[in-house]
């Protein structure tokens, strides 16, 4: 079988994946860079809950309990980003969350499509 995960390391979006209990399973290169001050790649195997102070920890806990997606924008180091946290499933069973941190321009066009 061909290696289909090769693209994610150089993908220009930070991708962090947890299991259903909140343990960090994977971080791509951008994610490791974004969280370098907190440990970077060494965070794999640790709890996502320990990585968040209050009130963010309560929000993450609620996401896991409700298994619902969450999106918001931030500005970090002068760059605007959209953060999208969404559950992922294996064989129809909740398996954890994927967080995408996507750099976006300050002004973003919006289109209504039918």
Protein backbone atom coordinates (compact mmCIF):
# COMPACT_ATOMS: atom_id res chain seq x y z
CA UNK A 1 0.00 0.00 0.00
CA UNK A 2 1.30 3.49 -0.86
CA UNK A 3 2.23 5.95 1.89
CA UNK A 4 -0.62 8.48 1.83
CA UNK A 5 0.46 10.49 4.90
CA UNK A 6 3.55 12.03 3.29
CA UNK A 7 1.86 15.35 2.48
CA UNK A 8 0.92 16.35 6.01
CA UNK A 9 4.42 17.21 7.27
CA UNK A 10 4.82 20.08 4.79
CA UNK A 11 1.15 21.07 4.75
CA UNK A 12 1.09 24.82 5.67
CA UNK A 13 -1.53 24.28 8.41
CA UNK A 14 -0.89 23.13 11.98
CA UNK A 15 -2.62 19.76 12.48
CA UNK A 16 -2.96 18.19 15.93
CA UNK A 17 -4.79 14.90 16.51
CA UNK A 18 -6.00 13.42 19.81
CA UNK A 19 -7.62 10.17 20.81
CA UNK A 20 -11.01 9.92 22.52
CA UNK A 21 -9.47 10.47 25.98
CA UNK A 22 -7.61 13.61 24.89
CA UNK A 23 -4.13 12.13 24.49
CA UNK A 24 -2.20 13.81 21.67
CA UNK A 25 -1.57 11.16 19.00
CA UNK A 26 0.09 13.23 16.28
CA UNK A 27 1.34 16.69 15.40
CA UNK A 28 2.62 17.72 12.01
CA UNK A 29 5.68 19.96 11.60
CA UNK A 30 3.63 23.20 11.71
CA UNK A 31 1.89 22.10 14.89
CA UNK A 32 5.22 21.24 16.54
CA UNK A 33 6.56 24.68 15.57
CA UNK A 34 3.43 26.46 16.81
CA UNK A 35 3.68 24.74 20.19
CA UNK A 36 7.49 24.73 20.46
CA UNK A 37 7.46 26.83 23.64
CA UNK A 38 5.16 24.26 25.26
CA UNK A 39 7.30 21.28 24.20
CA UNK A 40 6.63 20.82 20.48
CA UNK A 41 6.84 17.18 19.38
CA UNK A 42 7.39 16.12 23.02
CA UNK A 43 3.68 16.89 23.57
CA UNK A 44 2.75 13.71 21.65
CA UNK A 45 1.53 11.28 24.29
CA UNK A 46 0.45 14.00 26.71
CA UNK A 47 -3.05 15.14 27.61
CA UNK A 48 -4.61 17.97 25.61
CA UNK A 49 -6.38 19.03 28.80
CA UNK A 50 -3.05 19.68 30.54
CA UNK A 51 -2.08 21.98 27.65
CA UNK A 52 -4.96 24.38 28.29
CA UNK A 53 -5.37 26.75 31.23
CA UNK A 54 -8.84 27.78 32.38
CA UNK A 55 -11.21 28.80 30.91
CA UNK A 56 -9.98 27.04 27.74
CA UNK A 57 -9.69 23.69 29.56
CA UNK A 58 -13.41 23.77 30.39
CA UNK A 59 -14.23 24.56 26.75
CA UNK A 60 -12.11 21.64 25.49
CA UNK A 61 -13.68 19.34 28.08
CA UNK A 62 -17.15 20.38 26.85
CA UNK A 63 -16.13 19.72 23.23
CA UNK A 64 -15.08 16.18 24.12
CA UNK A 65 -18.26 15.54 26.09
CA UNK A 66 -20.50 16.97 23.38
CA UNK A 67 -18.37 15.70 20.48
CA UNK A 68 -19.14 18.93 18.67
CA UNK A 69 -17.05 21.02 16.31
CA UNK A 70 -15.76 24.44 17.30
CA UNK A 71 -14.32 27.26 15.18
CA UNK A 72 -12.92 30.69 16.05
CA UNK A 73 -10.26 33.15 14.93
CA UNK A 74 -7.16 34.33 16.79
CA UNK A 75 -4.24 36.64 16.20
CA UNK A 76 -0.90 35.14 17.28
CA UNK A 77 2.52 36.61 16.55
CA UNK A 78 0.87 39.14 14.21
CA UNK A 79 -0.88 36.48 12.08
CA UNK A 80 -4.61 35.95 11.97
CA UNK A 81 -5.67 32.30 12.06
CA UNK A 82 -8.86 30.31 12.07
CA UNK A 83 -8.88 27.44 14.53
CA UNK A 84 -11.17 24.54 13.68
CA UNK A 85 -11.57 21.68 16.15
CA UNK A 86 -13.65 18.78 14.96
CA UNK A 87 -14.30 15.22 16.12
CA UNK A 88 -13.05 12.31 14.08
CA UNK A 89 -14.46 8.79 14.01
CA UNK A 90 -13.17 5.28 13.37
CA UNK A 91 -15.77 2.81 12.12
CA UNK A 92 -18.51 5.19 13.28
CA UNK A 93 -17.15 5.41 16.84
CA UNK A 94 -15.85 8.69 18.30
CA UNK A 95 -12.04 8.47 18.18
CA UNK A 96 -10.90 11.96 19.22
CA UNK A 97 -10.42 15.44 17.83
CA UNK A 98 -8.47 17.06 15.03
CA UNK A 99 -7.45 20.69 15.42
CA UNK A 100 -6.49 22.72 12.36
CA UNK A 101 -4.81 26.11 12.79
CA UNK A 102 -5.03 27.83 9.41
CA UNK A 103 -3.34 31.18 8.68
CA UNK A 104 -5.81 33.54 6.98
CA UNK A 105 -5.57 37.11 5.64
CA UNK A 106 -6.92 39.96 7.77
CA UNK A 107 -9.62 40.61 5.16
CA UNK A 108 -11.25 37.46 3.91
CA UNK A 109 -13.74 37.40 1.03
CA UNK A 110 -17.05 35.71 1.70
CA UNK A 111 -19.24 34.16 -1.01
CA UNK A 112 -22.81 32.90 -0.81
CA UNK A 113 -23.22 29.81 -2.96
CA UNK A 114 -26.33 27.87 -3.95
